[in-house]
Amino acid sequence: MAEPASAPCQMAEHAGHDPQQALEVARWRKAERQRLRDERMALSVAARSDWAAALREHLDEGLETWLAGPVAGRVIGGYWPIKGEADLRPWLTSLHARGAQVALPVVVQKGQPLVWRPWHPGQAMERGDWNIPVPPASAGTAIPDLALAPLVGWDGAGYRLGYGGGYFDRTLASLRPYRPFVVGVGLQAARLATVFPQWHDIPMSAIVTEAGTQSI
């Protein structure tokens, strides 16, 4: 397990209520985010392929339990891989073949919650935020029953270290009282002792790595 690089001021679980602690947490998170992204980008093509294959296997093992039933007719929120993330598009394609509706997240407006738009293999895409391919607005929107959340880092309490934009937490908060079952997917080596969760952070429902589904 990777330990925090430092623990200035004994950073509290809800340090967001203290401006100085919040600043120190933000600095620590930025450094850890960069370190973990660099390590992920350094993976070989073979290692990255093995990682994605293991994730697909473990996701299939847990899927019907998390959904409390078959996948057919359910909405599964995926993602388009960027910055060394695991490529789970083959798994999403298999879900589509099994009768699920697959949807991808889209930034419609900066600083606002994401929306999910239905996606299918071979669909014409457009360029979204960060030049990420996204389904066009004409595809409509959907709310996932289960959504994948790529992890830069994670901890044993189920909290996620993402890219720092806050989009995913903002989106989950906006979906109250209904909220998808959220599965964080990442590397086992990206586990931290804590991500120092802030008041606005929302834990994952489950976390899956190449080692399997993690206890949280």
C-alpha atoms as a PDB file:
ATOM      1  CA  MET A   1       0.000   0.000   0.000  1.00  0.00           C
ATOM      2  CA  ALA A   2       1.357   3.430  -0.899  1.00  0.00           C
ATOM      3  CA  GLU A   3       1.564   5.759   2.080  1.00  0.00           C
ATOM      4  CA  PRO A   4       0.886   9.493   1.905  1.00  0.00           C
ATOM      5  CA  ALA A   5       3.940  11.506   0.891  1.00  0.00           C
ATOM      6  CA  SER A   6       3.326  13.851   3.800  1.00  0.00           C
ATOM      7  CA  ALA A   7       0.675  14.693   6.350  1.00  0.00           C
ATOM      8  CA  PRO A   8       0.916  18.454   6.990  1.00  0.00           C
ATOM      9  CA  CYS A   9      -1.117  19.673   9.958  1.00  0.00           C
ATOM     10  CA  GLN A  10      -2.508  16.158  10.454  1.00  0.00           C
ATOM     11  CA  MET A  11      -4.951  16.820   7.606  1.00  0.00           C
ATOM     12  CA  ALA A  12      -8.457  16.142   8.839  1.00  0.00           C
ATOM     13  CA  GLU A  13     -11.032  14.039   7.079  1.00  0.00           C
ATOM     14  CA  HIS A  14     -13.117  17.125   6.453  1.00  0.00           C
ATOM     15  CA  ALA A  15     -10.307  19.609   5.971  1.00  0.00           C
ATOM     16  CA  GLY A  16     -12.442  21.547   3.488  1.00  0.00           C
ATOM     17  CA  HIS A  17     -13.910  23.395   6.484  1.00  0.00           C
ATOM     18  CA  ASP A  18     -10.474  24.846   7.337  1.00  0.00           C
ATOM     19  CA  PRO A  19      -9.016  27.075   4.582  1.00  0.00           C
ATOM     20  CA  GLN A  20      -5.379  26.391   5.487  1.00  0.00           C
ATOM     21  CA  GLN A  21      -5.887  22.643   5.735  1.00  0.00           C
ATOM     22  CA  ALA A  22      -7.874  22.687   2.505  1.00  0.00           C
ATOM     23  CA  LEU A  23      -4.950  24.384   0.752  1.00  0.00           C
ATOM     24  CA  GLU A  24      -2.474  21.823   2.083  1.00  0.00           C
ATOM     25  CA  VAL A  25      -4.741  18.942   1.097  1.00  0.00           C
ATOM     26  CA  ALA A  26      -5.110  20.413  -2.389  1.00  0.00           C
ATOM     27  CA  ARG A  27      -1.310  20.662  -2.753  1.00  0.00           C
ATOM     28  CA  TRP A  28      -0.841  17.093  -1.548  1.00  0.00           C
ATOM     29  CA  ARG A  29      -3.537  15.793  -3.872  1.00  0.00           C
ATOM     30  CA  LYS A  30      -2.018  17.608  -6.841  1.00  0.00           C
ATOM     31  CA  ALA A  31       1.387  16.033  -6.170  1.00  0.00           C
ATOM     32  CA  GLU A  32      -0.071  12.549  -5.664  1.00  0.00           C
ATOM     33  CA  ARG A  33      -2.236  12.911  -8.758  1.00  0.00           C
ATOM     34  CA  GLN A  34       0.823  13.716 -10.869  1.00  0.00           C
ATOM     35  CA  ARG A  35       2.878  10.898  -9.348  1.00  0.00           C
ATOM     36  CA  LEU A  36       0.189   8.298  -9.923  1.00  0.00           C
ATOM     37  CA  ARG A  37      -0.527   9.479 -13.456  1.00  0.00           C
ATOM     38  CA  ASP A  38       3.187   9.309 -14.305  1.00  0.00           C
ATOM     39  CA  GLU A  39       3.365   5.746 -12.969  1.00  0.00           C
ATOM     40  CA  ARG A  40       0.297   4.757 -14.963  1.00  0.00           C
ATOM     41  CA  MET A  41       1.616   6.306 -18.170  1.00  0.00           C
ATOM     42  CA  ALA A  42       4.881   4.386 -17.698  1.00  0.00           C
ATOM     43  CA  LEU A  43       3.096   1.022 -17.982  1.00  0.00           C
ATOM     44  CA  SER A  44       4.080  -1.024 -21.014  1.00  0.00           C
ATOM     45  CA  VAL A  45       1.530  -1.789 -23.700  1.00  0.00           C
ATOM     46  CA  ALA A  46       1.446  -5.420 -22.550  1.00  0.00           C
ATOM     47  CA  ALA A  47       0.945  -4.461 -18.902  1.00  0.00           C
ATOM     48  CA  ARG A  48      -1.835  -2.051 -19.813  1.00  0.00           C
ATOM     49  CA  SER A  49      -3.561  -4.729 -21.889  1.00  0.00           C
ATOM     50  CA  ASP A  50      -3.310  -7.265 -19.046  1.00  0.00           C
ATOM     51  CA  TRP A  51      -4.693  -4.702 -16.584  1.00  0.00           C
ATOM     52  CA  ALA A  52      -7.714  -3.944 -18.778  1.00  0.00           C
ATOM     53  CA  ALA A  53      -8.385  -7.654 -19.375  1.00  0.00           C
ATOM     54  CA  ALA A  54      -8.341  -8.355 -15.630  1.00  0.00           C
ATOM     55  CA  LEU A  55     -10.700  -5.445 -14.965  1.00  0.00           C
ATOM     56  CA  ARG A  56     -13.142  -6.720 -17.582  1.00  0.00           C
ATOM     57  CA  GLU A  57     -13.147 -10.167 -15.976  1.00  0.00           C
ATOM     58  CA  HIS A  58     -13.748  -8.817 -12.470  1.00  0.00           C
ATOM     59  CA  LEU A  59     -16.429  -6.401 -13.660  1.00  0.00           C
ATOM     60  CA  ASP A  60     -18.294  -9.266 -15.301  1.00  0.00           C
ATOM     61  CA  GLU A  61     -18.055 -11.277 -12.093  1.00  0.00           C
ATOM     62  CA  GLY A  62     -19.704  -8.541 -10.027  1.00  0.00           C
ATOM     63  CA  LEU A  63     -22.094  -6.998 -12.530  1.00  0.00           C
ATOM     64  CA  GLU A  64     -25.318  -8.901 -11.853  1.00  0.00           C
ATOM     65  CA  THR A  65     -24.782  -8.714  -8.093  1.00  0.00           C
ATOM     66  CA  TRP A  66     -24.353  -4.938  -8.242  1.00  0.00           C
ATOM     67  CA  LEU A  67     -27.380  -4.580 -10.505  1.00  0.00           C
ATOM     68  CA  ALA A  68     -29.399  -7.098  -8.496  1.00  0.00           C
ATOM     69  CA  GLY A  69     -30.360  -8.795 -11.749  1.00  0.00           C
ATOM     70  CA  PRO A  70     -29.531  -9.262 -15.440  1.00  0.00           C
ATOM     71  CA  VAL A  71     -27.796  -6.546 -17.433  1.00  0.00           C
ATOM     72  CA  ALA A  72     -30.305  -6.585 -20.323  1.00  0.00           C
ATOM     73  CA  GLY A  73     -32.360  -3.404 -20.352  1.00  0.00           C
ATOM     74  CA  ARG A  74     -30.154  -1.635 -17.796  1.00  0.00           C
ATOM     75  CA  VAL A  75     -28.162   1.553 -18.394  1.00  0.00           C
ATOM     76  CA  ILE A  76     -24.396   1.232 -17.863  1.00  0.00           C
ATOM     77  CA  GLY A  77     -22.289   4.393 -17.740  1.00  0.00           C
ATOM     78  CA  GLY A  78     -18.804   3.885 -19.137  1.00  0.00           C
ATOM     79  CA  TYR A  79     -16.028   6.242 -20.210  1.00  0.00           C
ATOM     80  CA  TRP A  80     -13.771   6.876 -23.191  1.00  0.00           C
ATOM     81  CA  PRO A  81     -10.179   6.146 -22.052  1.00  0.00           C
ATOM     82  CA  ILE A  82      -7.682   9.013 -21.823  1.00  0.00           C
ATOM     83  CA  LYS A  83      -4.308   9.604 -20.156  1.00  0.00           C
ATOM     84  CA  GLY A  84      -3.413   5.956 -19.694  1.00  0.00           C
ATOM     85  CA  GLU A  85      -6.784   4.827 -18.312  1.00  0.00           C
ATOM     86  CA  ALA A  86      -7.795   1.201 -18.794  1.00  0.00           C
ATOM     87  CA  ASP A  87      -9.549   0.673 -22.123  1.00  0.00           C
ATOM     88  CA  LEU A  88     -12.865  -0.933 -21.233  1.00  0.00           C
ATOM     89  CA  ARG A  89     -14.551  -0.253 -24.571  1.00  0.00           C
ATOM     90  CA  PRO A  90     -14.474  -3.984 -25.482  1.00  0.00           C
ATOM     91  CA  TRP A  91     -16.381  -4.695 -22.259  1.00  0.00           C
ATOM     92  CA  LEU A  92     -18.893  -1.928 -23.003  1.00  0.00           C
ATOM     93  CA  THR A  93     -19.341  -3.371 -26.500  1.00  0.00           C
ATOM     94  CA  SER A  94     -20.069  -6.786 -24.977  1.00  0.00           C
ATOM     95  CA  LEU A  95     -22.671  -5.222 -22.661  1.00  0.00           C
ATOM     96  CA  HIS A  96     -24.374  -3.616 -25.635  1.00  0.00           C
ATOM     97  CA  ALA A  97     -24.482  -7.043 -27.312  1.00  0.00           C
ATOM     98  CA  ARG A  98     -26.092  -8.430 -24.146  1.00  0.00           C
ATOM     99  CA  GLY A  99     -28.929  -5.920 -24.300  1.00  0.00           C
ATOM    100  CA  ALA A 100     -27.657  -3.136 -22.037  1.00  0.00           C
ATOM    101  CA  GLN A 101     -27.841   0.518 -22.979  1.00  0.00           C
ATOM    102  CA  VAL A 102     -24.344   1.977 -22.693  1.00  0.00           C
ATOM    103  CA  ALA A 103     -23.890   5.686 -22.017  1.00  0.00           C
ATOM    104  CA  LEU A 104     -20.809   7.930 -21.895  1.00  0.00           C
ATOM    105  CA  PRO A 105     -20.319  11.030 -19.714  1.00  0.00           C
ATOM    106  CA  VAL A 106     -20.236  14.447 -21.357  1.00  0.00           C
ATOM    107  CA  VAL A 107     -19.224  17.874 -20.052  1.00  0.00           C
ATOM    108  CA  VAL A 108     -22.004  20.101 -21.346  1.00  0.00           C
ATOM    109  CA  GLN A 109     -21.008  23.191 -19.384  1.00  0.00           C
ATOM    110  CA  LYS A 110     -17.842  23.939 -17.413  1.00  0.00           C
ATOM    111  CA  GLY A 111     -18.294  23.523 -13.681  1.00  0.00           C
ATOM    112  CA  GLN A 112     -21.696  21.859 -14.056  1.00  0.00           C
ATOM    113  CA  PRO A 113     -22.731  18.212 -13.563  1.00  0.00           C
ATOM    114  CA  LEU A 114     -21.994  15.751 -16.337  1.00  0.00           C
ATOM    115  CA  VAL A 115     -24.711  14.189 -18.447  1.00  0.00           C
ATOM    116  CA  TRP A 116     -24.599  10.685 -19.883  1.00  0.00           C
ATOM    117  CA  ARG A 117     -25.487  10.191 -23.545  1.00  0.00           C
ATOM    118  CA  PRO A 118     -26.341   6.800 -25.049  1.00  0.00           C
ATOM    119  CA  TRP A 119     -23.523   5.206 -27.050  1.00  0.00           C
ATOM    120  CA  HIS A 120     -23.268   2.163 -29.279  1.00  0.00           C
ATOM    121  CA  PRO A 121     -20.363   0.621 -31.228  1.00  0.00           C
ATOM    122  CA  GLY A 122     -19.750   2.381 -34.535  1.00  0.00           C
ATOM    123  CA  GLN A 123     -21.657   5.494 -33.499  1.00  0.00           C
ATOM    124  CA  ALA A 124     -20.597   8.833 -35.026  1.00  0.00           C
ATOM    125  CA  MET A 125     -18.915  10.887 -32.303  1.00  0.00           C
ATOM    126  CA  GLU A 126     -18.035  14.531 -31.780  1.00  0.00           C
ATOM    127  CA  ARG A 127     -15.222  16.182 -29.852  1.00  0.00           C
ATOM    128  CA  GLY A 128     -16.037  17.148 -26.289  1.00  0.00           C
ATOM    129  CA  ASP A 129     -14.102  18.620 -23.371  1.00  0.00           C
ATOM    130  CA  TRP A 130     -10.369  17.789 -23.503  1.00  0.00           C
ATOM    131  CA  ASN A 131     -11.034  16.613 -27.085  1.00  0.00           C
ATOM    132  CA  ILE A 132     -12.581  13.422 -25.722  1.00  0.00           C
ATOM    133  CA  PRO A 133     -14.901  11.741 -28.260  1.00  0.00           C
ATOM    134  CA  VAL A 134     -18.501  11.927 -27.014  1.00  0.00           C
ATOM    135  CA  PRO A 135     -21.895  10.981 -28.452  1.00  0.00           C
ATOM    136  CA  PRO A 136     -23.687  13.921 -30.116  1.00  0.00           C
ATOM    137  CA  ALA A 137     -26.485  15.815 -28.381  1.00  0.00           C
ATOM    138  CA  SER A 138     -28.936  14.170 -30.771  1.00  0.00           C
ATOM    139  CA  ALA A 139     -28.299  10.871 -28.928  1.00  0.00           C
ATOM    140  CA  GLY A 140     -30.324  12.168 -25.978  1.00  0.00           C
ATOM    141  CA  THR A 141     -29.494  11.505 -22.330  1.00  0.00           C
ATOM    142  CA  ALA A 142     -29.722   8.616 -19.892  1.00  0.00           C
ATOM    143  CA  ILE A 143     -29.192   8.088 -16.180  1.00  0.00           C
ATOM    144  CA  PRO A 144     -27.048   5.008 -15.463  1.00  0.00           C
ATOM    145  CA  ASP A 145     -28.100   2.232 -13.143  1.00  0.00           C
ATOM    146  CA  LEU A 146     -24.381   1.536 -12.774  1.00  0.00           C
ATOM    147  CA  ALA A 147     -21.535   3.896 -13.685  1.00  0.00           C
ATOM    148  CA  LEU A 148     -17.799   3.338 -13.999  1.00  0.00           C
ATOM    149  CA  ALA A 149     -15.469   5.940 -12.518  1.00  0.00           C
ATOM    150  CA  PRO A 150     -11.797   5.802 -13.585  1.00  0.00           C
ATOM    151  CA  LEU A 151      -9.465   6.224 -10.614  1.00  0.00           C
ATOM    152  CA  VAL A 152      -6.165   8.070 -10.477  1.00  0.00           C
ATOM    153  CA  GLY A 153      -5.895   7.022  -6.838  1.00  0.00           C
ATOM    154  CA  TRP A 154      -8.183   5.489  -4.217  1.00  0.00           C
ATOM    155  CA  ASP A 155      -8.317   4.497  -0.572  1.00  0.00           C
ATOM    156  CA  GLY A 156      -9.786   1.720   1.536  1.00  0.00           C
ATOM    157  CA  ALA A 157     -12.794   3.837   2.491  1.00  0.00           C
ATOM    158  CA  GLY A 158     -13.842   3.934  -1.166  1.00  0.00           C
ATOM    159  CA  TYR A 159     -12.854   7.521  -1.865  1.00  0.00           C
ATOM    160  CA  ARG A 160     -11.517   8.443  -5.287  1.00  0.00           C
ATOM    161  CA  LEU A 161      -8.678  10.701  -6.366  1.00  0.00           C
ATOM    162  CA  GLY A 162      -9.629  11.956  -9.825  1.00  0.00           C
ATOM    163  CA  TYR A 163      -8.318  14.697 -12.076  1.00  0.00           C
ATOM    164  CA  GLY A 164      -9.301  17.518  -9.755  1.00  0.00           C
ATOM    165  CA  GLY A 165     -12.200  19.023 -11.695  1.00  0.00           C
ATOM    166  CA  GLY A 166     -14.857  17.772  -9.291  1.00  0.00           C
ATOM    167  CA  TYR A 167     -17.188  16.761 -12.107  1.00  0.00           C
ATOM    168  CA  PHE A 168     -17.961  13.265 -10.906  1.00  0.00           C
ATOM    169  CA  ASP A 169     -18.774  14.220  -7.312  1.00  0.00           C
ATOM    170  CA  ARG A 170     -20.826  17.184  -8.541  1.00  0.00           C
ATOM    171  CA  THR A 171     -22.766  14.884 -10.842  1.00  0.00           C
ATOM    172  CA  LEU A 172     -23.476  12.279  -8.175  1.00  0.00           C
ATOM    173  CA  ALA A 173     -24.628  14.996  -5.768  1.00  0.00           C
ATOM    174  CA  SER A 174     -27.015  16.338  -8.410  1.00  0.00           C
ATOM    175  CA  LEU A 175     -28.669  12.925  -8.807  1.00  0.00           C
ATOM    176  CA  ARG A 176     -30.086  12.774  -5.283  1.00  0.00           C
ATOM    177  CA  PRO A 177     -32.189  10.979  -4.159  1.00  0.00           C
ATOM    178  CA  TYR A 178     -31.477   8.528  -6.977  1.00  0.00           C
ATOM    179  CA  ARG A 179     -27.844   7.642  -7.473  1.00  0.00           C
ATOM    180  CA  PRO A 180     -26.216   4.994  -9.674  1.00  0.00           C
ATOM    181  CA  PHE A 181     -24.159   2.169  -8.237  1.00  0.00           C
ATOM    182  CA  VAL A 182     -20.677   3.594  -8.871  1.00  0.00           C
ATOM    183  CA  VAL A 183     -17.725   1.296  -9.528  1.00  0.00           C
ATOM    184  CA  GLY A 184     -14.280   2.868  -9.362  1.00  0.00           C
ATOM    185  CA  VAL A 185     -11.784   1.152 -11.667  1.00  0.00           C
ATOM    186  CA  GLY A 186      -8.031   1.568 -11.368  1.00  0.00           C
ATOM    187  CA  LEU A 187      -4.692   0.067 -10.471  1.00  0.00           C
ATOM    188  CA  GLN A 188      -4.036  -1.810  -7.258  1.00  0.00           C
ATOM    189  CA  ALA A 189      -0.752   0.108  -6.935  1.00  0.00           C
ATOM    190  CA  ALA A 190      -2.734   3.376  -6.870  1.00  0.00           C
ATOM    191  CA  ARG A 191      -4.151   2.597  -3.433  1.00  0.00           C
ATOM    192  CA  LEU A 192      -3.318   5.263  -0.837  1.00  0.00           C
ATOM    193  CA  ALA A 193      -3.640   5.160   2.931  1.00  0.00           C
ATOM    194  CA  THR A 194      -6.179   7.957   2.479  1.00  0.00           C
ATOM    195  CA  VAL A 195      -7.063  10.548  -0.148  1.00  0.00           C
ATOM    196  CA  PHE A 196      -7.991  12.926   2.707  1.00  0.00           C
ATOM    197  CA  PRO A 197     -11.656  13.120   1.630  1.00  0.00           C
ATOM    198  CA  GLN A 198     -13.281  16.521   1.778  1.00  0.00           C
ATOM    199  CA  TRP A 199     -16.872  17.392   2.705  1.00  0.00           C
ATOM    200  CA  HIS A 200     -17.934  17.281  -0.955  1.00  0.00           C
ATOM    201  CA  ASP A 201     -16.312  13.926  -1.829  1.00  0.00           C
ATOM    202  CA  ILE A 202     -18.632  10.976  -2.416  1.00  0.00           C
ATOM    203  CA  PRO A 203     -17.311   7.420  -1.903  1.00  0.00           C
ATOM    204  CA  MET A 204     -17.585   4.736  -4.559  1.00  0.00           C
ATOM    205  CA  SER A 205     -20.049   1.888  -4.139  1.00  0.00           C
ATOM    206  CA  ALA A 206     -17.292  -0.587  -5.104  1.00  0.00           C
ATOM    207  CA  ILE A 207     -13.694  -0.444  -6.314  1.00  0.00           C
ATOM    208  CA  VAL A 208     -12.266  -2.911  -8.818  1.00  0.00           C
ATOM    209  CA  THR A 209      -8.592  -3.320  -9.687  1.00  0.00           C
ATOM    210  CA  GLU A 210      -6.643  -6.016 -11.490  1.00  0.00           C
ATOM    211  CA  ALA A 211      -6.545  -7.798  -8.104  1.00  0.00           C
ATOM    212  CA  GLY A 212     -10.345  -8.006  -7.941  1.00  0.00           C
ATOM    213  CA  THR A 213     -13.138  -6.217  -6.090  1.00  0.00           C
ATOM    214  CA  GLN A 214     -11.730  -4.402  -3.066  1.00  0.00           C
ATOM    215  CA  SER A 215     -13.284  -4.356   0.384  1.00  0.00           C
ATOM    216  CA  ILE A 216     -14.505  -0.900   1.383  1.00  0.00           C
END
